[in-house]
Each structure stands twice: as structure tokens, then as C-alpha cells.
PDB file of N, CA and C in Angstrom:
ATOM      1  N   MET A   1     -16.532 -81.032 -60.286  1.00  0.00           N
ATOM      2  CA  MET A   1     -17.605 -81.994 -60.444  1.00  0.00           C
ATOM      3  C   MET A   1     -18.530 -81.607 -61.593  1.00  0.00           C
ATOM      4  N   LYS A   2     -18.705 -80.323 -61.792  1.00  0.00           N
ATOM      5  CA  LYS A   2     -19.565 -79.851 -62.872  1.00  0.00           C
ATOM      6  C   LYS A   2     -19.021 -80.322 -64.222  1.00  0.00           C
ATOM      7  N   ASP A   3     -17.696 -80.288 -64.380  1.00  0.00           N
ATOM      8  CA  ASP A   3     -17.082 -80.739 -65.623  1.00  0.00           C
ATOM      9  C   ASP A   3     -17.272 -82.240 -65.825  1.00  0.00           C
ATOM     10  N   LEU A   4     -17.231 -83.010 -64.747  1.00  0.00           N
ATOM     11  CA  LEU A   4     -17.425 -84.449 -64.836  1.00  0.00           C
ATOM     12  C   LEU A   4     -18.847 -84.763 -65.305  1.00  0.00           C
ATOM     13  N   GLY A   5     -19.827 -84.060 -64.775  1.00  0.00           N
ATOM     14  CA  GLY A   5     -21.214 -84.249 -65.189  1.00  0.00           C
ATOM     15  C   GLY A   5     -21.389 -83.914 -66.665  1.00  0.00           C
ATOM     16  N   LYS A   6     -20.746 -82.849 -67.100  1.00  0.00           N
ATOM     17  CA  LYS A   6     -20.828 -82.444 -68.504  1.00  0.00           C
ATOM     18  C   LYS A   6     -20.171 -83.508 -69.390  1.00  0.00           C
ATOM     19  N   LEU A   7     -19.039 -84.027 -68.948  1.00  0.00           N
ATOM     20  CA  LEU A   7     -18.337 -85.053 -69.705  1.00  0.00           C
ATOM     21  C   LEU A   7     -19.174 -86.324 -69.807  1.00  0.00           C
ATOM     22  N   LEU A   8     -19.809 -86.718 -68.723  1.00  0.00           N
ATOM     23  CA  LEU A   8     -20.664 -87.907 -68.741  1.00  0.00           C
ATOM     24  C   LEU A   8     -21.854 -87.720 -69.675  1.00  0.00           C
ATOM     25  N   LYS A   9     -22.436 -86.533 -69.671  1.00  0.00           N
ATOM     26  CA  LYS A   9     -23.563 -86.250 -70.555  1.00  0.00           C
ATOM     27  C   LYS A   9     -23.117 -86.342 -72.019  1.00  0.00           C
ATOM     28  N   GLN A  10     -21.938 -85.801 -72.320  1.00  0.00           N
ATOM     29  CA  GLN A  10     -21.424 -85.864 -73.681  1.00  0.00           C
ATOM     30  C   GLN A  10     -21.166 -87.316 -74.093  1.00  0.00           C
ATOM     31  N   ALA A  11     -20.634 -88.110 -73.177  1.00  0.00           N
ATOM     32  CA  ALA A  11     -20.366 -89.520 -73.465  1.00  0.00           C
ATOM     33  C   ALA A  11     -21.671 -90.254 -73.761  1.00  0.00           C
ATOM     34  N   GLN A  12     -22.713 -89.953 -73.024  1.00  0.00           N
ATOM     35  CA  GLN A  12     -24.013 -90.586 -73.261  1.00  0.00           C
ATOM     36  C   GLN A  12     -24.567 -90.187 -74.624  1.00  0.00           C
ATOM     37  N   GLN A  13     -24.374 -88.928 -75.000  1.00  0.00           N
ATOM     38  CA  GLN A  13     -24.848 -88.465 -76.297  1.00  0.00           C
ATOM     39  C   GLN A  13     -24.114 -89.173 -77.429  1.00  0.00           C
ATOM     40  N   VAL A  14     -22.802 -89.321 -77.265  1.00  0.00           N
ATOM     41  CA  VAL A  14     -22.013 -90.015 -78.286  1.00  0.00           C
ATOM     42  C   VAL A  14     -22.449 -91.475 -78.372  1.00  0.00           C
ATOM     43  N   GLN A  15     -22.682 -92.092 -77.239  1.00  0.00           N
ATOM     44  CA  GLN A  15     -23.125 -93.482 -77.222  1.00  0.00           C
ATOM     45  C   GLN A  15     -24.471 -93.629 -77.939  1.00  0.00           C
ATOM     46  N   ALA A  16     -25.380 -92.716 -77.702  1.00  0.00           N
ATOM     47  CA  ALA A  16     -26.686 -92.759 -78.366  1.00  0.00           C
ATOM     48  C   ALA A  16     -26.524 -92.570 -79.875  1.00  0.00           C
ATOM     49  N   LYS A  17     -25.663 -91.652 -80.278  1.00  0.00           N
ATOM     50  CA  LYS A  17     -25.428 -91.424 -81.709  1.00  0.00           C
ATOM     51  C   LYS A  17     -24.801 -92.652 -82.356  1.00  0.00           C
ATOM     52  N   MET A  18     -23.909 -93.323 -81.634  1.00  0.00           N
ATOM     53  CA  MET A  18     -23.284 -94.528 -82.183  1.00  0.00           C
ATOM     54  C   MET A  18     -24.317 -95.635 -82.355  1.00  0.00           C
ATOM     55  N   ALA A  19     -25.225 -95.769 -81.409  1.00  0.00           N
ATOM     56  CA  ALA A  19     -26.281 -96.786 -81.521  1.00  0.00           C
ATOM     57  C   ALA A  19     -27.157 -96.492 -82.738  1.00  0.00           C
ATOM     58  N   GLU A  20     -27.492 -95.224 -82.947  1.00  0.00           N
ATOM     59  CA  GLU A  20     -28.283 -94.837 -84.119  1.00  0.00           C
ATOM     60  C   GLU A  20     -27.524 -95.156 -85.403  1.00  0.00           C
ATOM     61  N   MET A  21     -26.225 -94.855 -85.403  1.00  0.00           N
ATOM     62  CA  MET A  21     -25.402 -95.103 -86.579  1.00  0.00           C
ATOM     63  C   MET A  21     -25.354 -96.597 -86.891  1.00  0.00           C
ATOM     64  N   GLN A  22     -25.208 -97.423 -85.867  1.00  0.00           N
ATOM     65  CA  GLN A  22     -25.165 -98.861 -86.084  1.00  0.00           C
ATOM     66  C   GLN A  22     -26.485 -99.378 -86.653  1.00  0.00           C
ATOM     67  N   GLU A  23     -27.582 -98.815 -86.207  1.00  0.00           N
ATOM     68  CA  GLU A  23     -28.889 -99.199 -86.767  1.00  0.00           C
ATOM     69  C   GLU A  23     -28.981 -98.803 -88.235  1.00  0.00           C
ATOM     70  N   ARG A  24     -28.527 -97.593 -88.549  1.00  0.00           N
ATOM     71  CA  ARG A  24     -28.545 -97.136 -89.948  1.00  0.00           C
ATOM     72  C   ARG A  24     -27.678 -98.040 -90.815  1.00  0.00           C
ATOM     73  N   LEU A  25     -26.491 -98.374 -90.305  1.00  0.00           N
ATOM     74  CA  LEU A  25     -25.580 -99.213 -91.080  1.00  0.00           C
ATOM     75  C   LEU A  25     -26.164-100.602 -91.320  1.00  0.00           C
ATOM     76  N   ALA A  26     -26.888-101.124 -90.345  1.00  0.00           N
ATOM     77  CA  ALA A  26     -27.486-102.454 -90.503  1.00  0.00           C
ATOM     78  C   ALA A  26     -28.511-102.461 -91.629  1.00  0.00           C
ATOM     79  N   GLU A  27     -29.114-101.310 -91.892  1.00  0.00           N
ATOM     80  CA  GLU A  27     -30.127-101.209 -92.936  1.00  0.00           C
ATOM     81  C   GLU A  27     -29.520-100.945 -94.313  1.00  0.00           C
ATOM     82  N   ARG A  28     -28.286-100.465 -94.337  1.00  0.00           N
ATOM     83  CA  ARG A  28     -27.632-100.165 -95.610  1.00  0.00           C
ATOM     84  C   ARG A  28     -26.945-101.412 -96.145  1.00  0.00           C
ATOM     85  N   THR A  29     -26.838-101.499 -97.464  1.00  0.00           N
ATOM     86  CA  THR A  29     -26.189-102.647 -98.076  1.00  0.00           C
ATOM     87  C   THR A  29     -25.148-102.187 -99.094  1.00  0.00           C
ATOM     88  N   VAL A  30     -24.225-103.092 -99.356  1.00  0.00           N
ATOM     89  CA  VAL A  30     -23.252-102.900-100.426  1.00  0.00           C
ATOM     90  C   VAL A  30     -23.319-104.133-101.317  1.00  0.00           C
ATOM     91  N   GLU A  31     -22.915-103.966-102.551  1.00  0.00           N
ATOM     92  CA  GLU A  31     -22.835-105.095-103.469  1.00  0.00           C
ATOM     93  C   GLU A  31     -21.424-105.146-104.022  1.00  0.00           C
ATOM     94  N   ALA A  32     -20.896-106.343-104.109  1.00  0.00           N
ATOM     95  CA  ALA A  32     -19.569-106.539-104.676  1.00  0.00           C
ATOM     96  C   ALA A  32     -19.619-107.762-105.575  1.00  0.00           C
ATOM     97  N   SER A  33     -18.689-107.813-106.524  1.00  0.00           N
ATOM     98  CA  SER A  33     -18.686-108.958-107.429  1.00  0.00           C
ATOM     99  C   SER A  33     -17.257-109.374-107.737  1.00  0.00           C
ATOM    100  N   ALA A  34     -17.133-110.548-108.304  1.00  0.00           N
ATOM    101  CA  ALA A  34     -15.842-111.074-108.740  1.00  0.00           C
ATOM    102  C   ALA A  34     -16.065-111.832-110.045  1.00  0.00           C
ATOM    103  N   GLY A  35     -14.986-112.024-110.772  1.00  0.00           N
ATOM    104  CA  GLY A  35     -15.094-112.758-112.036  1.00  0.00           C
ATOM    105  C   GLY A  35     -15.910-112.029-113.068  1.00  0.00           C
ATOM    106  N   GLY A  36     -15.773-110.712-113.105  1.00  0.00           N
ATOM    107  CA  GLY A  36     -16.529-109.939-114.088  1.00  0.00           C
ATOM    108  C   GLY A  36     -18.028-109.993-113.848  1.00  0.00           C
ATOM    109  N   GLY A  37     -18.416-110.116-112.571  1.00  0.00           N
ATOM    110  CA  GLY A  37     -19.834-110.134-112.225  1.00  0.00           C
ATOM    111  C   GLY A  37     -20.434-111.529-112.181  1.00  0.00           C
ATOM    112  N   MET A  38     -19.594-112.547-112.310  1.00  0.00           N
ATOM    113  CA  MET A  38     -20.113-113.919-112.298  1.00  0.00           C
ATOM    114  C   MET A  38     -20.550-114.351-110.903  1.00  0.00           C
ATOM    115  N   VAL A  39     -19.953-113.742-109.886  1.00  0.00           N
ATOM    116  CA  VAL A  39     -20.354-113.989-108.501  1.00  0.00           C
ATOM    117  C   VAL A  39     -20.626-112.639-107.869  1.00  0.00           C
ATOM    118  N   LYS A  40     -21.828-112.477-107.305  1.00  0.00           N
ATOM    119  CA  LYS A  40     -22.205-111.213-106.663  1.00  0.00           C
ATOM    120  C   LYS A  40     -22.607-111.478-105.223  1.00  0.00           C
ATOM    121  N   ILE A  41     -22.189-110.570-104.348  1.00  0.00           N
ATOM    122  CA  ILE A  41     -22.491-110.660-102.922  1.00  0.00           C
ATOM    123  C   ILE A  41     -23.180-109.369-102.508  1.00  0.00           C
ATOM    124  N   VAL A  42     -24.247-109.469-101.717  1.00  0.00           N
ATOM    125  CA  VAL A  42     -24.868-108.312-101.081  1.00  0.00           C
ATOM    126  C   VAL A  42     -24.666-108.493 -99.581  1.00  0.00           C
ATOM    127  N   MET A  43     -24.115-107.456 -98.942  1.00  0.00           N
ATOM    128  CA  MET A  43     -23.791-107.509 -97.518  1.00  0.00           C
ATOM    129  C   MET A  43     -24.314-106.245 -96.851  1.00  0.00           C
ATOM    130  N   ASN A  44     -24.791-106.395 -95.605  1.00  0.00           N
ATOM    131  CA  ASN A  44     -25.251-105.212 -94.883  1.00  0.00           C
ATOM    132  C   ASN A  44     -24.130-104.625 -94.027  1.00  0.00           C
ATOM    133  N   GLY A  45     -24.432-103.543 -93.353  1.00  0.00           N
ATOM    134  CA  GLY A  45     -23.442-102.834 -92.552  1.00  0.00           C
ATOM    135  C   GLY A  45     -22.979-103.575 -91.318  1.00  0.00           C
ATOM    136  N   ARG A  46     -23.586-104.703 -91.031  1.00  0.00           N
ATOM    137  CA  ARG A  46     -23.130-105.548 -89.917  1.00  0.00           C
ATOM    138  C   ARG A  46     -22.253-106.691 -90.415  1.00  0.00           C
ATOM    139  N   HIS A  47     -21.831-106.607 -91.668  1.00  0.00           N
ATOM    140  CA  HIS A  47     -21.009-107.632 -92.308  1.00  0.00           C
ATOM    141  C   HIS A  47     -21.752-108.963 -92.459  1.00  0.00           C
ATOM    142  N   GLU A  48     -23.077-108.900 -92.547  1.00  0.00           N
ATOM    143  CA  GLU A  48     -23.864-110.107 -92.771  1.00  0.00           C
ATOM    144  C   GLU A  48     -24.109-110.253 -94.270  1.00  0.00           C
ATOM    145  N   VAL A  49     -23.814-111.426 -94.812  1.00  0.00           N
ATOM    146  CA  VAL A  49     -24.069-111.683 -96.228  1.00  0.00           C
ATOM    147  C   VAL A  49     -25.568-111.913 -96.386  1.00  0.00           C
ATOM    148  N   LEU A  50     -26.201-111.067 -97.186  1.00  0.00           N
ATOM    149  CA  LEU A  50     -27.647-111.155 -97.401  1.00  0.00           C
ATOM    150  C   LEU A  50     -27.994-112.013 -98.604  1.00  0.00           C
ATOM    151  N   SER A  51     -27.132-111.983 -99.612  1.00  0.00           N
ATOM    152  CA  SER A  51     -27.395-112.822-100.781  1.00  0.00           C
ATOM    153  C   SER A  51     -26.104-113.101-101.538  1.00  0.00           C
ATOM    154  N   VAL A  52     -26.119-114.245-102.209  1.00  0.00           N
ATOM    155  CA  VAL A  52     -25.029-114.666-103.086  1.00  0.00           C
ATOM    156  C   VAL A  52     -25.672-115.053-104.407  1.00  0.00           C
ATOM    157  N   THR A  53     -25.194-114.460-105.485  1.00  0.00           N
ATOM    158  CA  THR A  53     -25.703-114.791-106.810  1.00  0.00           C
ATOM    159  C   THR A  53     -24.539-115.333-107.634  1.00  0.00           C
ATOM    160  N   ILE A  54     -24.732-116.515-108.186  1.00  0.00           N
ATOM    161  CA  ILE A  54     -23.685-117.162-108.981  1.00  0.00           C
ATOM    162  C   ILE A  54     -24.224-117.422-110.374  1.00  0.00           C
ATOM    163  N   ASP A  55     -23.527-116.898-111.375  1.00  0.00           N
ATOM    164  CA  ASP A  55     -23.899-117.142-112.770  1.00  0.00           C
ATOM    165  C   ASP A  55     -23.701-118.632-113.057  1.00  0.00           C
ATOM    166  N   PRO A  56     -24.717-119.301-113.596  1.00  0.00           N
ATOM    167  CA  PRO A  56     -24.599-120.737-113.873  1.00  0.00           C
ATOM    168  C   PRO A  56     -23.408-121.106-114.757  1.00  0.00           C
ATOM    169  N   GLU A  57     -22.961-120.175-115.582  1.00  0.00           N
ATOM    170  CA  GLU A  57     -21.831-120.453-116.471  1.00  0.00           C
ATOM    171  C   GLU A  57     -20.532-120.691-115.711  1.00  0.00           C
ATOM    172  N   VAL A  58     -20.434-120.166-114.503  1.00  0.00           N
ATOM    173  CA  VAL A  58     -19.198-120.315-113.733  1.00  0.00           C
ATOM    174  C   VAL A  58     -19.197-121.618-112.925  1.00  0.00           C
ATOM    175  N   VAL A  59     -20.321-122.316-112.896  1.00  0.00           N
ATOM    176  CA  VAL A  59     -20.422-123.567-112.141  1.00  0.00           C
ATOM    177  C   VAL A  59     -19.874-124.701-113.015  1.00  0.00           C
ATOM    178  N   ASP A  60     -18.674-125.129-112.670  1.00  0.00           N
ATOM    179  CA  ASP A  60     -18.010-126.213-113.399  1.00  0.00           C
ATOM    180  C   ASP A  60     -17.582-127.255-112.376  1.00  0.00           C
ATOM    181  N   PRO A  61     -18.262-128.396-112.337  1.00  0.00           N
ATOM    182  CA  PRO A  61     -17.951-129.423-111.341  1.00  0.00           C
ATOM    183  C   PRO A  61     -16.480-129.856-111.356  1.00  0.00           C
ATOM    184  N   SER A  62     -15.808-129.694-112.498  1.00  0.00           N
ATOM    185  CA  SER A  62     -14.403-130.098-112.563  1.00  0.00           C
ATOM    186  C   SER A  62     -13.462-128.996-112.069  1.00  0.00           C
ATOM    187  N   ASP A  63     -14.011-127.811-111.766  1.00  0.00           N
ATOM    188  CA  ASP A  63     -13.173-126.699-111.284  1.00  0.00           C
ATOM    189  C   ASP A  63     -13.878-125.959-110.150  1.00  0.00           C
ATOM    190  N   VAL A  64     -14.208-126.675-109.107  1.00  0.00           N
ATOM    191  CA  VAL A  64     -14.874-126.090-107.940  1.00  0.00           C
ATOM    192  C   VAL A  64     -13.981-125.051-107.277  1.00  0.00           C
ATOM    193  N   GLU A  65     -12.692-125.257-107.323  1.00  0.00           N
ATOM    194  CA  GLU A  65     -11.748-124.337-106.681  1.00  0.00           C
ATOM    195  C   GLU A  65     -11.880-122.919-107.243  1.00  0.00           C
ATOM    196  N   MET A  66     -12.086-122.782-108.537  1.00  0.00           N
ATOM    197  CA  MET A  66     -12.245-121.450-109.130  1.00  0.00           C
ATOM    198  C   MET A  66     -13.481-120.761-108.562  1.00  0.00           C
ATOM    199  N   LEU A  67     -14.585-121.505-108.456  1.00  0.00           N
ATOM    200  CA  LEU A  67     -15.818-120.937-107.906  1.00  0.00           C
ATOM    201  C   LEU A  67     -15.601-120.519-106.453  1.00  0.00           C
ATOM    202  N   GLU A  68     -14.930-121.352-105.686  1.00  0.00           N
ATOM    203  CA  GLU A  68     -14.633-121.008-104.287  1.00  0.00           C
ATOM    204  C   GLU A  68     -13.802-119.733-104.212  1.00  0.00           C
ATOM    205  N   ASP A  69     -12.814-119.592-105.086  1.00  0.00           N
ATOM    206  CA  ASP A  69     -11.980-118.387-105.111  1.00  0.00           C
ATOM    207  C   ASP A  69     -12.801-117.151-105.461  1.00  0.00           C
ATOM    208  N   LEU A  70     -13.726-117.289-106.419  1.00  0.00           N
ATOM    209  CA  LEU A  70     -14.564-116.156-106.811  1.00  0.00           C
ATOM    210  C   LEU A  70     -15.486-115.730-105.669  1.00  0.00           C
ATOM    211  N   VAL A  71     -16.064-116.703-104.967  1.00  0.00           N
ATOM    212  CA  VAL A  71     -16.936-116.378-103.835  1.00  0.00           C
ATOM    213  C   VAL A  71     -16.129-115.683-102.747  1.00  0.00           C
ATOM    214  N   ALA A  72     -14.950-116.205-102.428  1.00  0.00           N
ATOM    215  CA  ALA A  72     -14.105-115.583-101.410  1.00  0.00           C
ATOM    216  C   ALA A  72     -13.723-114.157-101.809  1.00  0.00           C
ATOM    217  N   ALA A  73     -13.364-113.964-103.069  1.00  0.00           N
ATOM    218  CA  ALA A  73     -12.990-112.626-103.540  1.00  0.00           C
ATOM    219  C   ALA A  73     -14.160-111.656-103.440  1.00  0.00           C
ATOM    220  N   ALA A  74     -15.347-112.096-103.814  1.00  0.00           N
ATOM    221  CA  ALA A  74     -16.524-111.224-103.748  1.00  0.00           C
ATOM    222  C   ALA A  74     -16.864-110.879-102.300  1.00  0.00           C
ATOM    223  N   VAL A  75     -16.778-111.852-101.402  1.00  0.00           N
ATOM    224  CA  VAL A  75     -17.055-111.594 -99.982  1.00  0.00           C
ATOM    225  C   VAL A  75     -16.031-110.606 -99.427  1.00  0.00           C
ATOM    226  N   ASN A  76     -14.768-110.804 -99.754  1.00  0.00           N
ATOM    227  CA  ASN A  76     -13.736-109.891 -99.251  1.00  0.00           C
ATOM    228  C   ASN A  76     -13.916-108.479 -99.793  1.00  0.00           C
ATOM    229  N   GLU A  77     -14.313-108.365-101.037  1.00  0.00           N
ATOM    230  CA  GLU A  77     -14.582-107.049-101.628  1.00  0.00           C
ATOM    231  C   GLU A  77     -15.756-106.387-100.908  1.00  0.00           C
ATOM    232  N   ALA A  78     -16.809-107.155-100.639  1.00  0.00           N
ATOM    233  CA  ALA A  78     -17.974-106.610 -99.932  1.00  0.00           C
ATOM    234  C   ALA A  78     -17.576-106.148 -98.529  1.00  0.00           C
ATOM    235  N   ARG A  79     -16.773-106.947 -97.820  1.00  0.00           N
ATOM    236  CA  ARG A  79     -16.321-106.564 -96.477  1.00  0.00           C
ATOM    237  C   ARG A  79     -15.555-105.241 -96.536  1.00  0.00           C
ATOM    238  N   GLY A  80     -14.707-105.091 -97.535  1.00  0.00           N
ATOM    239  CA  GLY A  80     -13.949-103.850 -97.686  1.00  0.00           C
ATOM    240  C   GLY A  80     -14.863-102.658 -97.913  1.00  0.00           C
ATOM    241  N   ARG A  81     -15.901-102.856 -98.703  1.00  0.00           N
ATOM    242  CA  ARG A  81     -16.851-101.761 -98.956  1.00  0.00           C
ATOM    243  C   ARG A  81     -17.651-101.416 -97.705  1.00  0.00           C
ATOM    244  N   VAL A  82     -18.010-102.422 -96.922  1.00  0.00           N
ATOM    245  CA  VAL A  82     -18.715-102.156 -95.663  1.00  0.00           C
ATOM    246  C   VAL A  82     -17.790-101.408 -94.711  1.00  0.00           C
ATOM    247  N   ASP A  83     -16.535-101.834 -94.621  1.00  0.00           N
ATOM    248  CA  ASP A  83     -15.579-101.148 -93.744  1.00  0.00           C
ATOM    249  C   ASP A  83     -15.437 -99.681 -94.131  1.00  0.00           C
ATOM    250  N   GLU A  84     -15.397 -99.419 -95.426  1.00  0.00           N
ATOM    251  CA  GLU A  84     -15.313 -98.041 -95.910  1.00  0.00           C
ATOM    252  C   GLU A  84     -16.570 -97.255 -95.533  1.00  0.00           C
ATOM    253  N   MET A  85     -17.724 -97.892 -95.675  1.00  0.00           N
ATOM    254  CA  MET A  85     -18.984 -97.252 -95.314  1.00  0.00           C
ATOM    255  C   MET A  85     -18.998 -96.922 -93.818  1.00  0.00           C
ATOM    256  N   VAL A  86     -18.518 -97.851 -92.994  1.00  0.00           N
ATOM    257  CA  VAL A  86     -18.461 -97.629 -91.545  1.00  0.00           C
ATOM    258  C   VAL A  86     -17.505 -96.488 -91.221  1.00  0.00           C
ATOM    259  N   ARG A  87     -16.341 -96.471 -91.867  1.00  0.00           N
ATOM    260  CA  ARG A  87     -15.378 -95.375 -91.630  1.00  0.00           C
ATOM    261  C   ARG A  87     -15.990 -94.026 -91.988  1.00  0.00           C
ATOM    262  N   ASP A  88     -16.715 -93.977 -93.108  1.00  0.00           N
ATOM    263  CA  ASP A  88     -17.350 -92.724 -93.520  1.00  0.00           C
ATOM    264  C   ASP A  88     -18.381 -92.266 -92.485  1.00  0.00           C
ATOM    265  N   GLU A  89     -19.188 -93.212 -91.999  1.00  0.00           N
ATOM    266  CA  GLU A  89     -20.192 -92.874 -90.975  1.00  0.00           C
ATOM    267  C   GLU A  89     -19.515 -92.408 -89.686  1.00  0.00           C
ATOM    268  N   MET A  90     -18.462 -93.108 -89.287  1.00  0.00           N
ATOM    269  CA  MET A  90     -17.743 -92.740 -88.059  1.00  0.00           C
ATOM    270  C   MET A  90     -17.136 -91.354 -88.198  1.00  0.00           C
ATOM    271  N   SER A  91     -16.601 -91.071 -89.368  1.00  0.00           N
ATOM    272  CA  SER A  91     -15.993 -89.774 -89.610  1.00  0.00           C
ATOM    273  C   SER A  91     -17.018 -88.661 -89.482  1.00  0.00           C
ATOM    274  N   SER A  92     -18.220 -88.897 -89.986  1.00  0.00           N
ATOM    275  CA  SER A  92     -19.262 -87.871 -89.874  1.00  0.00           C
ATOM    276  C   SER A  92     -19.719 -87.733 -88.424  1.00  0.00           C
ATOM    277  N   LEU A  93     -19.693 -88.831 -87.675  1.00  0.00           N
ATOM    278  CA  LEU A  93     -20.104 -88.797 -86.272  1.00  0.00           C
ATOM    279  C   LEU A  93     -19.084 -88.082 -85.400  1.00  0.00           C
ATOM    280  N   THR A  94     -17.801 -88.321 -85.686  1.00  0.00           N
ATOM    281  CA  THR A  94     -16.734 -87.771 -84.844  1.00  0.00           C
ATOM    282  C   THR A  94     -16.164 -86.467 -85.389  1.00  0.00           C
ATOM    283  N   GLY A  95     -16.741 -85.978 -86.464  1.00  0.00           N
ATOM    284  CA  GLY A  95     -16.241 -84.744 -87.050  1.00  0.00           C
ATOM    285  C   GLY A  95     -14.861 -84.911 -87.665  1.00  0.00           C
ATOM    286  N   GLY A  96     -14.537 -86.142 -88.091  1.00  0.00           N
ATOM    287  CA  GLY A  96     -13.254 -86.406 -88.714  1.00  0.00           C
ATOM    288  C   GLY A  96     -12.153 -86.773 -87.740  1.00  0.00           C
ATOM    289  N   LEU A  97     -12.420 -86.705 -86.451  1.00  0.00           N
ATOM    290  CA  LEU A  97     -11.402 -87.067 -85.468  1.00  0.00           C
ATOM    291  C   LEU A  97     -11.269 -88.581 -85.414  1.00  0.00           C
ATOM    292  N   PRO A  98     -10.029 -89.103 -85.424  1.00  0.00           N
ATOM    293  CA  PRO A  98      -9.858 -90.554 -85.330  1.00  0.00           C
ATOM    294  C   PRO A  98     -10.277 -91.057 -83.948  1.00  0.00           C
ATOM    295  N   MET A  99     -10.985 -92.175 -83.936  1.00  0.00           N
ATOM    296  CA  MET A  99     -11.405 -92.785 -82.688  1.00  0.00           C
ATOM    297  C   MET A  99     -10.889 -94.220 -82.660  1.00  0.00           C
ATOM    298  N   PRO A 100      -9.622 -94.409 -82.281  1.00  0.00           N
ATOM    299  CA  PRO A 100      -9.032 -95.752 -82.329  1.00  0.00           C
ATOM    300  C   PRO A 100      -9.793 -96.746 -81.477  1.00  0.00           C
ATOM    301  N   GLY A 101      -9.934 -97.936 -82.019  1.00  0.00           N
ATOM    302  CA  GLY A 101     -10.543 -99.017 -81.277  1.00  0.00           C
ATOM    303  C   GLY A 101     -12.063 -99.107 -81.369  1.00  0.00           C
ATOM    304  N   LEU A 102     -12.715 -98.107 -81.964  1.00  0.00           N
ATOM    305  CA  LEU A 102     -14.180 -98.162 -82.044  1.00  0.00           C
ATOM    306  C   LEU A 102     -14.622 -99.136 -83.125  1.00  0.00           C
ATOM    307  N   PHE A 103     -13.958 -99.098 -84.295  1.00  0.00           N
ATOM    308  CA  PHE A 103     -14.301-100.027 -85.379  1.00  0.00           C
ATOM    309  C   PHE A 103     -13.030-100.458 -86.044  1.00  0.00           C
TER     310      PHE A 103
END
């Protein structure tokens, strides 16, 4: 029973550290761009898009599809950078041990 109590205490500590990490990640941002910087996305650690900046030169009413592709590419790049940031934080939290299913 003593080992079970110790295990539960450790689980609570890990849970508290994960909550702290999620708060830190929510405050951190990444920036990604597409089209040579014509479309820029800022996203936080919760995968929320905070801002979209579009260079007026890329706005062509006759080619909306290109603009849509650039926005999608920038968002996907930002998501990838956030995922990398989350993996790095998780690695520091778990001491490099893989924790499948957490993120």
C-alpha cells in the first residue's frame, strides 16, 4: 500500500507539471509564413491562430485559390512548429521518455 500511495503522489505531481506546461505553452507563440512571407500566421501553443497577415500584393480577385493555398500552407507550417514546441516541452517534462497518447 505504501508503494501505491507513492505512485499516486507521483501521478499528481506529473499532472500538476503538465497543467503548468500547458499554461506556459498557451502563452508562447510561433510564427510561420508562406509565399516568401506574403502570408504570415501567428499561433499559440494551444493551436489557436492569433493573427493572419496578408501582403496586399498577393490579393488577386482573379486568383483567390492561390491566396487560399498560401493561408493553408502558413497555418499548417504554424501547426507543425507548435507541435514541435509541445514535443520539446514534453521531453523536458518526462526526461526524454516517450509518453504515448499525451499529445
